[in-house]
Amino acid sequence: MSDETGKDKSIELSPHAKEKIKRLIVTGITEEKAVKTVRNPESLTLGYFGRKIAQSTLTDELLLRVIYEETDNNILVVTLYPAKRKRYE
């Protein structure tokens, strides 16, 4: 997979993703960080239902995982969450 994920596509966050950011802001997760992770992930894997999972580092112990759907015209962030690095690296 290319690391040039949707460079020219608009990125929208689902209502669920926006709600999660409100609750997770204390961990350093912001809408800007989510968008940056989708645009330039440290790693990219395939998820269920054709979704993609972009990852970036939050802290020494945590990653940000952003699950999104990509169409011809845009990217929809479905959800996001912090995860322990040792589980996914």
PDB file of N, CA and C in Angstrom:
ATOM      1  N   MET A   1       0.824  -1.183   0.000  1.00  0.00           N
ATOM      2  CA  MET A   1       0.000   0.000   0.000  1.00  0.00           C
ATOM      3  C   MET A   1       0.870   1.249   0.000  1.00  0.00           C
ATOM      4  N   SER A   2       0.395   2.233  -0.679  1.00  0.00           N
ATOM      5  CA  SER A   2       1.135   3.484  -0.758  1.00  0.00           C
ATOM      6  C   SER A   2       1.015   4.259   0.549  1.00  0.00           C
ATOM      7  N   ASP A   3       2.073   4.978   0.892  1.00  0.00           N
ATOM      8  CA  ASP A   3       1.982   5.835   2.074  1.00  0.00           C
ATOM      9  C   ASP A   3       1.505   7.233   1.671  1.00  0.00           C
ATOM     10  N   GLU A   4       1.101   7.388   0.428  1.00  0.00           N
ATOM     11  CA  GLU A   4       0.543   8.642  -0.063  1.00  0.00           C
ATOM     12  C   GLU A   4      -0.983   8.570   0.028  1.00  0.00           C
ATOM     13  N   THR A   5      -1.509   8.184   1.153  1.00  0.00           N
ATOM     14  CA  THR A   5      -2.931   7.955   1.340  1.00  0.00           C
ATOM     15  C   THR A   5      -3.751   9.209   1.126  1.00  0.00           C
ATOM     16  N   GLY A   6      -4.535   9.209   0.068  1.00  0.00           N
ATOM     17  CA  GLY A   6      -5.515  10.258  -0.149  1.00  0.00           C
ATOM     18  C   GLY A   6      -5.000  11.668   0.016  1.00  0.00           C
ATOM     19  N   LYS A   7      -3.845  11.958  -0.525  1.00  0.00           N
ATOM     20  CA  LYS A   7      -3.251  13.284  -0.336  1.00  0.00           C
ATOM     21  C   LYS A   7      -4.171  14.415  -0.799  1.00  0.00           C
ATOM     22  N   ASP A   8      -4.967  14.154  -1.849  1.00  0.00           N
ATOM     23  CA  ASP A   8      -5.820  15.215  -2.387  1.00  0.00           C
ATOM     24  C   ASP A   8      -7.296  15.005  -2.053  1.00  0.00           C
ATOM     25  N   LYS A   9      -7.605  14.034  -1.219  1.00  0.00           N
ATOM     26  CA  LYS A   9      -8.994  13.763  -0.852  1.00  0.00           C
ATOM     27  C   LYS A   9      -9.361  14.493   0.438  1.00  0.00           C
ATOM     28  N   SER A  10     -10.631  14.878   0.521  1.00  0.00           N
ATOM     29  CA  SER A  10     -11.075  15.497   1.765  1.00  0.00           C
ATOM     30  C   SER A  10     -11.273  14.400   2.813  1.00  0.00           C
ATOM     31  N   ILE A  11     -11.020  14.741   4.055  1.00  0.00           N
ATOM     32  CA  ILE A  11     -11.166  13.791   5.154  1.00  0.00           C
ATOM     33  C   ILE A  11     -12.267  14.297   6.074  1.00  0.00           C
ATOM     34  N   GLU A  12     -13.258  13.439   6.286  1.00  0.00           N
ATOM     35  CA  GLU A  12     -14.356  13.756   7.190  1.00  0.00           C
ATOM     36  C   GLU A  12     -14.312  12.788   8.364  1.00  0.00           C
ATOM     37  N   LEU A  13     -14.765  13.255   9.515  1.00  0.00           N
ATOM     38  CA  LEU A  13     -14.876  12.385  10.680  1.00  0.00           C
ATOM     39  C   LEU A  13     -16.341  12.069  10.923  1.00  0.00           C
ATOM     40  N   SER A  14     -16.622  10.805  11.185  1.00  0.00           N
ATOM     41  CA  SER A  14     -17.993  10.405  11.498  1.00  0.00           C
ATOM     42  C   SER A  14     -18.380  11.032  12.839  1.00  0.00           C
ATOM     43  N   PRO A  15     -19.694  11.130  13.101  1.00  0.00           N
ATOM     44  CA  PRO A  15     -20.115  11.639  14.414  1.00  0.00           C
ATOM     45  C   PRO A  15     -19.500  10.826  15.560  1.00  0.00           C
ATOM     46  N   HIS A  16     -19.382   9.528  15.365  1.00  0.00           N
ATOM     47  CA  HIS A  16     -18.768   8.664  16.389  1.00  0.00           C
ATOM     48  C   HIS A  16     -17.310   9.062  16.644  1.00  0.00           C
ATOM     49  N   ALA A  17     -16.554   9.272  15.565  1.00  0.00           N
ATOM     50  CA  ALA A  17     -15.143   9.653  15.710  1.00  0.00           C
ATOM     51  C   ALA A  17     -15.000  11.001  16.405  1.00  0.00           C
ATOM     52  N   LYS A  18     -15.867  11.954  16.070  1.00  0.00           N
ATOM     53  CA  LYS A  18     -15.819  13.267  16.721  1.00  0.00           C
ATOM     54  C   LYS A  18     -16.104  13.154  18.218  1.00  0.00           C
ATOM     55  N   GLU A  19     -17.049  12.306  18.565  1.00  0.00           N
ATOM     56  CA  GLU A  19     -17.395  12.084  19.971  1.00  0.00           C
ATOM     57  C   GLU A  19     -16.222  11.452  20.723  1.00  0.00           C
ATOM     58  N   LYS A  20     -15.548  10.491  20.088  1.00  0.00           N
ATOM     59  CA  LYS A  20     -14.397   9.843  20.728  1.00  0.00           C
ATOM     60  C   LYS A  20     -13.264  10.841  20.969  1.00  0.00           C
ATOM     61  N   ILE A  21     -13.042  11.736  20.015  1.00  0.00           N
ATOM     62  CA  ILE A  21     -11.985  12.742  20.185  1.00  0.00           C
ATOM     63  C   ILE A  21     -12.277  13.607  21.408  1.00  0.00           C
ATOM     64  N   LYS A  22     -13.534  13.970  21.611  1.00  0.00           N
ATOM     65  CA  LYS A  22     -13.888  14.771  22.787  1.00  0.00           C
ATOM     66  C   LYS A  22     -13.496  14.054  24.075  1.00  0.00           C
ATOM     67  N   ARG A  23     -13.701  12.742  24.105  1.00  0.00           N
ATOM     68  CA  ARG A  23     -13.381  11.975  25.316  1.00  0.00           C
ATOM     69  C   ARG A  23     -11.897  11.665  25.444  1.00  0.00           C
ATOM     70  N   LEU A  24     -11.185  11.605  24.315  1.00  0.00           N
ATOM     71  CA  LEU A  24      -9.790  11.182  24.333  1.00  0.00           C
ATOM     72  C   LEU A  24      -8.800  12.336  24.240  1.00  0.00           C
ATOM     73  N   ILE A  25      -9.288  13.559  24.238  1.00  0.00           N
ATOM     74  CA  ILE A  25      -8.410  14.724  24.094  1.00  0.00           C
ATOM     75  C   ILE A  25      -7.328  14.731  25.189  1.00  0.00           C
ATOM     76  N   VAL A  26      -7.628  14.189  26.354  1.00  0.00           N
ATOM     77  CA  VAL A  26      -6.649  14.155  27.449  1.00  0.00           C
ATOM     78  C   VAL A  26      -5.442  13.268  27.126  1.00  0.00           C
ATOM     79  N   THR A  27      -5.591  12.349  26.174  1.00  0.00           N
ATOM     80  CA  THR A  27      -4.472  11.489  25.783  1.00  0.00           C
ATOM     81  C   THR A  27      -3.660  12.096  24.648  1.00  0.00           C
ATOM     82  N   GLY A  28      -4.041  13.304  24.215  1.00  0.00           N
ATOM     83  CA  GLY A  28      -3.304  13.968  23.150  1.00  0.00           C
ATOM     84  C   GLY A  28      -3.886  13.719  21.769  1.00  0.00           C
ATOM     85  N   ILE A  29      -5.043  13.079  21.707  1.00  0.00           N
ATOM     86  CA  ILE A  29      -5.685  12.813  20.420  1.00  0.00           C
ATOM     87  C   ILE A  29      -6.556  14.006  20.042  1.00  0.00           C
ATOM     88  N   THR A  30      -6.255  14.564  18.875  1.00  0.00           N
ATOM     89  CA  THR A  30      -7.028  15.695  18.354  1.00  0.00           C
ATOM     90  C   THR A  30      -7.478  15.358  16.929  1.00  0.00           C
ATOM     91  N   GLU A  31      -8.395  16.156  16.413  1.00  0.00           N
ATOM     92  CA  GLU A  31      -8.832  15.954  15.029  1.00  0.00           C
ATOM     93  C   GLU A  31      -7.643  16.137  14.085  1.00  0.00           C
ATOM     94  N   GLU A  32      -6.806  17.110  14.378  1.00  0.00           N
ATOM     95  CA  GLU A  32      -5.624  17.359  13.556  1.00  0.00           C
ATOM     96  C   GLU A  32      -4.688  16.144  13.547  1.00  0.00           C
ATOM     97  N   LYS A  33      -4.475  15.539  14.707  1.00  0.00           N
ATOM     98  CA  LYS A  33      -3.617  14.358  14.814  1.00  0.00           C
ATOM     99  C   LYS A  33      -4.222  13.189  14.029  1.00  0.00           C
ATOM    100  N   ALA A  34      -5.536  13.034  14.078  1.00  0.00           N
ATOM    101  CA  ALA A  34      -6.209  11.960  13.339  1.00  0.00           C
ATOM    102  C   ALA A  34      -6.023  12.148  11.833  1.00  0.00           C
ATOM    103  N   VAL A  35      -6.231  13.369  11.358  1.00  0.00           N
ATOM    104  CA  VAL A  35      -6.079  13.666   9.931  1.00  0.00           C
ATOM    105  C   VAL A  35      -4.632  13.450   9.504  1.00  0.00           C
ATOM    106  N   LYS A  36      -3.695  13.919  10.309  1.00  0.00           N
ATOM    107  CA  LYS A  36      -2.265  13.747  10.008  1.00  0.00           C
ATOM    108  C   LYS A  36      -1.897  12.261   9.929  1.00  0.00           C
ATOM    109  N   THR A  37      -2.491  11.456  10.813  1.00  0.00           N
ATOM    110  CA  THR A  37      -2.221  10.018  10.814  1.00  0.00           C
ATOM    111  C   THR A  37      -2.739   9.371   9.534  1.00  0.00           C
ATOM    112  N   VAL A  38      -3.907   9.788   9.075  1.00  0.00           N
ATOM    113  CA  VAL A  38      -4.454   9.236   7.828  1.00  0.00           C
ATOM    114  C   VAL A  38      -3.597   9.668   6.634  1.00  0.00           C
ATOM    115  N   ARG A  39      -3.198  10.925   6.610  1.00  0.00           N
ATOM    116  CA  ARG A  39      -2.413  11.450   5.479  1.00  0.00           C
ATOM    117  C   ARG A  39      -0.998  10.876   5.426  1.00  0.00           C
ATOM    118  N   ASN A  40      -0.404  10.652   6.583  1.00  0.00           N
ATOM    119  CA  ASN A  40       0.989  10.202   6.621  1.00  0.00           C
ATOM    120  C   ASN A  40       1.186   9.186   7.748  1.00  0.00           C
ATOM    121  N   PRO A  41       0.637   7.974   7.594  1.00  0.00           N
ATOM    122  CA  PRO A  41       0.727   6.981   8.664  1.00  0.00           C
ATOM    123  C   PRO A  41       2.135   6.399   8.811  1.00  0.00           C
ATOM    124  N   GLU A  42       2.467   6.012  10.029  1.00  0.00           N
ATOM    125  CA  GLU A  42       3.718   5.297  10.251  1.00  0.00           C
ATOM    126  C   GLU A  42       3.579   3.860   9.764  1.00  0.00           C
ATOM    127  N   SER A  43       2.355   3.323   9.859  1.00  0.00           N
ATOM    128  CA  SER A  43       2.056   2.028   9.253  1.00  0.00           C
ATOM    129  C   SER A  43       0.604   2.025   8.818  1.00  0.00           C
ATOM    130  N   LEU A  44       0.304   1.176   7.837  1.00  0.00           N
ATOM    131  CA  LEU A  44      -1.032   1.100   7.258  1.00  0.00           C
ATOM    132  C   LEU A  44      -1.359  -0.367   7.022  1.00  0.00           C
ATOM    133  N   THR A  45      -2.509  -0.802   7.533  1.00  0.00           N
ATOM    134  CA  THR A  45      -2.931  -2.183   7.342  1.00  0.00           C
ATOM    135  C   THR A  45      -4.387  -2.213   6.901  1.00  0.00           C
ATOM    136  N   LEU A  46      -4.803  -3.360   6.418  1.00  0.00           N
ATOM    137  CA  LEU A  46      -6.199  -3.527   6.028  1.00  0.00           C
ATOM    138  C   LEU A  46      -7.013  -4.002   7.218  1.00  0.00           C
ATOM    139  N   GLY A  47      -8.223  -3.475   7.327  1.00  0.00           N
ATOM    140  CA  GLY A  47      -9.144  -3.870   8.383  1.00  0.00           C
ATOM    141  C   GLY A  47     -10.324  -4.618   7.785  1.00  0.00           C
ATOM    142  N   TYR A  48     -11.345  -4.786   8.566  1.00  0.00           N
ATOM    143  CA  TYR A  48     -12.559  -5.454   8.105  1.00  0.00           C
ATOM    144  C   TYR A  48     -13.330  -4.587   7.119  1.00  0.00           C
ATOM    145  N   PHE A  49     -14.103  -5.235   6.259  1.00  0.00           N
ATOM    146  CA  PHE A  49     -15.023  -4.565   5.322  1.00  0.00           C
ATOM    147  C   PHE A  49     -14.314  -3.589   4.383  1.00  0.00           C
ATOM    148  N   GLY A  50     -13.066  -3.865   4.048  1.00  0.00           N
ATOM    149  CA  GLY A  50     -12.328  -3.002   3.137  1.00  0.00           C
ATOM    150  C   GLY A  50     -11.810  -1.723   3.758  1.00  0.00           C
ATOM    151  N   ARG A  51     -11.956  -1.607   5.059  1.00  0.00           N
ATOM    152  CA  ARG A  51     -11.457  -0.406   5.744  1.00  0.00           C
ATOM    153  C   ARG A  51      -9.943  -0.472   5.884  1.00  0.00           C
ATOM    154  N   LYS A  52      -9.353   0.677   6.123  1.00  0.00           N
ATOM    155  CA  LYS A  52      -7.907   0.765   6.340  1.00  0.00           C
ATOM    156  C   LYS A  52      -7.657   1.259   7.753  1.00  0.00           C
ATOM    157  N   ILE A  53      -6.518   0.854   8.306  1.00  0.00           N
ATOM    158  CA  ILE A  53      -6.133   1.254   9.655  1.00  0.00           C
ATOM    159  C   ILE A  53      -4.767   1.932   9.571  1.00  0.00           C
ATOM    160  N   ALA A  54      -4.757   3.226   9.889  1.00  0.00           N
ATOM    161  CA  ALA A  54      -3.516   4.000   9.902  1.00  0.00           C
ATOM    162  C   ALA A  54      -3.057   4.133  11.350  1.00  0.00           C
ATOM    163  N   GLN A  55      -1.753   4.037  11.565  1.00  0.00           N
ATOM    164  CA  GLN A  55      -1.200   4.144  12.916  1.00  0.00           C
ATOM    165  C   GLN A  55      -0.130   5.218  12.977  1.00  0.00           C
ATOM    166  N   SER A  56      -0.059   5.881  14.140  1.00  0.00           N
ATOM    167  CA  SER A  56       1.043   6.800  14.420  1.00  0.00           C
ATOM    168  C   SER A  56       1.317   6.759  15.923  1.00  0.00           C
ATOM    169  N   THR A  57       2.497   7.194  16.303  1.00  0.00           N
ATOM    170  CA  THR A  57       2.916   7.169  17.696  1.00  0.00           C
ATOM    171  C   THR A  57       2.287   8.312  18.481  1.00  0.00           C
ATOM    172  N   LEU A  58       1.759   7.979  19.660  1.00  0.00           N
ATOM    173  CA  LEU A  58       1.265   8.999  20.595  1.00  0.00           C
ATOM    174  C   LEU A  58       2.291   9.253  21.687  1.00  0.00           C
ATOM    175  N   THR A  59       2.725   8.169  22.330  1.00  0.00           N
ATOM    176  CA  THR A  59       3.723   8.255  23.404  1.00  0.00           C
ATOM    177  C   THR A  59       4.654   7.055  23.261  1.00  0.00           C
ATOM    178  N   ASP A  60       5.563   6.899  24.208  1.00  0.00           N
ATOM    179  CA  ASP A  60       6.449   5.732  24.196  1.00  0.00           C
ATOM    180  C   ASP A  60       5.664   4.433  24.329  1.00  0.00           C
ATOM    181  N   GLU A  61       4.488   4.506  24.943  1.00  0.00           N
ATOM    182  CA  GLU A  61       3.710   3.298  25.187  1.00  0.00           C
ATOM    183  C   GLU A  61       2.445   3.182  24.347  1.00  0.00           C
ATOM    184  N   LEU A  62       2.003   4.299  23.732  1.00  0.00           N
ATOM    185  CA  LEU A  62       0.721   4.283  23.019  1.00  0.00           C
ATOM    186  C   LEU A  62       0.831   4.663  21.547  1.00  0.00           C
ATOM    187  N   LEU A  63      -0.031   4.041  20.748  1.00  0.00           N
ATOM    188  CA  LEU A  63      -0.217   4.370  19.341  1.00  0.00           C
ATOM    189  C   LEU A  63      -1.600   4.971  19.159  1.00  0.00           C
ATOM    190  N   LEU A  64      -1.775   5.724  18.109  1.00  0.00           N
ATOM    191  CA  LEU A  64      -3.104   6.144  17.680  1.00  0.00           C
ATOM    192  C   LEU A  64      -3.452   5.278  16.483  1.00  0.00           C
ATOM    193  N   ARG A  65      -4.601   4.589  16.556  1.00  0.00           N
ATOM    194  CA  ARG A  65      -5.108   3.788  15.434  1.00  0.00           C
ATOM    195  C   ARG A  65      -6.357   4.473  14.897  1.00  0.00           C
ATOM    196  N   VAL A  66      -6.343   4.764  13.599  1.00  0.00           N
ATOM    197  CA  VAL A  66      -7.453   5.459  12.938  1.00  0.00           C
ATOM    198  C   VAL A  66      -8.025   4.527  11.867  1.00  0.00           C
ATOM    199  N   ILE A  67      -9.301   4.164  12.013  1.00  0.00           N
ATOM    200  CA  ILE A  67      -9.960   3.273  11.070  1.00  0.00           C
ATOM    201  C   ILE A  67     -10.791   4.130  10.130  1.00  0.00           C
ATOM    202  N   TYR A  68     -10.584   3.937   8.821  1.00  0.00           N
ATOM    203  CA  TYR A  68     -11.291   4.776   7.865  1.00  0.00           C
ATOM    204  C   TYR A  68     -11.684   4.012   6.608  1.00  0.00           C
ATOM    205  N   GLU A  69     -12.657   4.598   5.894  1.00  0.00           N
ATOM    206  CA  GLU A  69     -13.112   4.085   4.604  1.00  0.00           C
ATOM    207  C   GLU A  69     -12.719   5.101   3.543  1.00  0.00           C
ATOM    208  N   GLU A  70     -12.179   4.615   2.449  1.00  0.00           N
ATOM    209  CA  GLU A  70     -11.735   5.497   1.374  1.00  0.00           C
ATOM    210  C   GLU A  70     -12.569   5.228   0.124  1.00  0.00           C
ATOM    211  N   THR A  71     -13.100   6.282  -0.471  1.00  0.00           N
ATOM    212  CA  THR A  71     -13.818   6.182  -1.742  1.00  0.00           C
ATOM    213  C   THR A  71     -13.028   6.968  -2.782  1.00  0.00           C
ATOM    214  N   ASP A  72     -13.576   7.048  -3.990  1.00  0.00           N
ATOM    215  CA  ASP A  72     -12.888   7.799  -5.041  1.00  0.00           C
ATOM    216  C   ASP A  72     -12.739   9.271  -4.685  1.00  0.00           C
ATOM    217  N   ASN A  73     -13.698   9.799  -3.914  1.00  0.00           N
ATOM    218  CA  ASN A  73     -13.725  11.239  -3.666  1.00  0.00           C
ATOM    219  C   ASN A  73     -13.287  11.682  -2.284  1.00  0.00           C
ATOM    220  N   ASN A  74     -13.486  10.832  -1.283  1.00  0.00           N
ATOM    221  CA  ASN A  74     -13.145  11.293   0.065  1.00  0.00           C
ATOM    222  C   ASN A  74     -12.774  10.139   0.991  1.00  0.00           C
ATOM    223  N   ILE A  75     -12.444  10.509   2.206  1.00  0.00           N
ATOM    224  CA  ILE A  75     -12.062   9.568   3.259  1.00  0.00           C
ATOM    225  C   ILE A  75     -12.965   9.853   4.452  1.00  0.00           C
ATOM    226  N   LEU A  76     -13.557   8.797   4.999  1.00  0.00           N
ATOM    227  CA  LEU A  76     -14.396   8.926   6.177  1.00  0.00           C
ATOM    228  C   LEU A  76     -13.748   8.180   7.332  1.00  0.00           C
ATOM    229  N   VAL A  77     -13.365   8.923   8.375  1.00  0.00           N
ATOM    230  CA  VAL A  77     -12.812   8.300   9.581  1.00  0.00           C
ATOM    231  C   VAL A  77     -13.989   7.724  10.356  1.00  0.00           C
ATOM    232  N   VAL A  78     -13.988   6.404  10.519  1.00  0.00           N
ATOM    233  CA  VAL A  78     -15.075   5.705  11.194  1.00  0.00           C
ATOM    234  C   VAL A  78     -14.899   5.774  12.709  1.00  0.00           C
ATOM    235  N   THR A  79     -13.684   5.462  13.160  1.00  0.00           N
ATOM    236  CA  THR A  79     -13.386   5.512  14.586  1.00  0.00           C
ATOM    237  C   THR A  79     -11.882   5.632  14.782  1.00  0.00           C
ATOM    238  N   LEU A  80     -11.476   5.862  15.996  1.00  0.00           N
ATOM    239  CA  LEU A  80     -10.064   5.954  16.341  1.00  0.00           C
ATOM    240  C   LEU A  80      -9.910   5.631  17.816  1.00  0.00           C
ATOM    241  N   TYR A  81      -8.725   5.177  18.176  1.00  0.00           N
ATOM    242  CA  TYR A  81      -8.495   4.838  19.577  1.00  0.00           C
ATOM    243  C   TYR A  81      -7.007   4.727  19.870  1.00  0.00           C
ATOM    244  N   PRO A  82      -6.653   4.958  21.131  1.00  0.00           N
ATOM    245  CA  PRO A  82      -5.272   4.721  21.532  1.00  0.00           C
ATOM    246  C   PRO A  82      -5.096   3.230  21.808  1.00  0.00           C
ATOM    247  N   ALA A  83      -3.911   2.719  21.533  1.00  0.00           N
ATOM    248  CA  ALA A  83      -3.636   1.296  21.770  1.00  0.00           C
ATOM    249  C   ALA A  83      -2.215   1.142  22.268  1.00  0.00           C
ATOM    250  N   LYS A  84      -1.985   0.090  23.029  1.00  0.00           N
ATOM    251  CA  LYS A  84      -0.622  -0.172  23.504  1.00  0.00           C
ATOM    252  C   LYS A  84       0.260  -0.585  22.338  1.00  0.00           C
ATOM    253  N   ARG A  85       1.421   0.057  22.256  1.00  0.00           N
ATOM    254  CA  ARG A  85       2.350  -0.195  21.156  1.00  0.00           C
ATOM    255  C   ARG A  85       2.744  -1.652  21.083  1.00  0.00           C
ATOM    256  N   LYS A  86       2.996  -2.278  22.238  1.00  0.00           N
ATOM    257  CA  LYS A  86       3.480  -3.659  22.229  1.00  0.00           C
ATOM    258  C   LYS A  86       2.477  -4.616  21.599  1.00  0.00           C
ATOM    259  N   ARG A  87       1.216  -4.246  21.534  1.00  0.00           N
ATOM    260  CA  ARG A  87       0.209  -5.121  20.933  1.00  0.00           C
ATOM    261  C   ARG A  87       0.264  -5.095  19.413  1.00  0.00           C
ATOM    262  N   TYR A  88       0.663  -3.973  18.824  1.00  0.00           N
ATOM    263  CA  TYR A  88       0.605  -3.819  17.378  1.00  0.00           C
ATOM    264  C   TYR A  88       1.951  -3.660  16.694  1.00  0.00           C
ATOM    265  N   GLU A  89       3.026  -3.702  17.430  1.00  0.00           N
ATOM    266  CA  GLU A  89       4.342  -3.558  16.786  1.00  0.00           C
ATOM    267  C   GLU A  89       5.141  -4.832  16.918  1.00  0.00           C
TER     268      GLU A  89
END
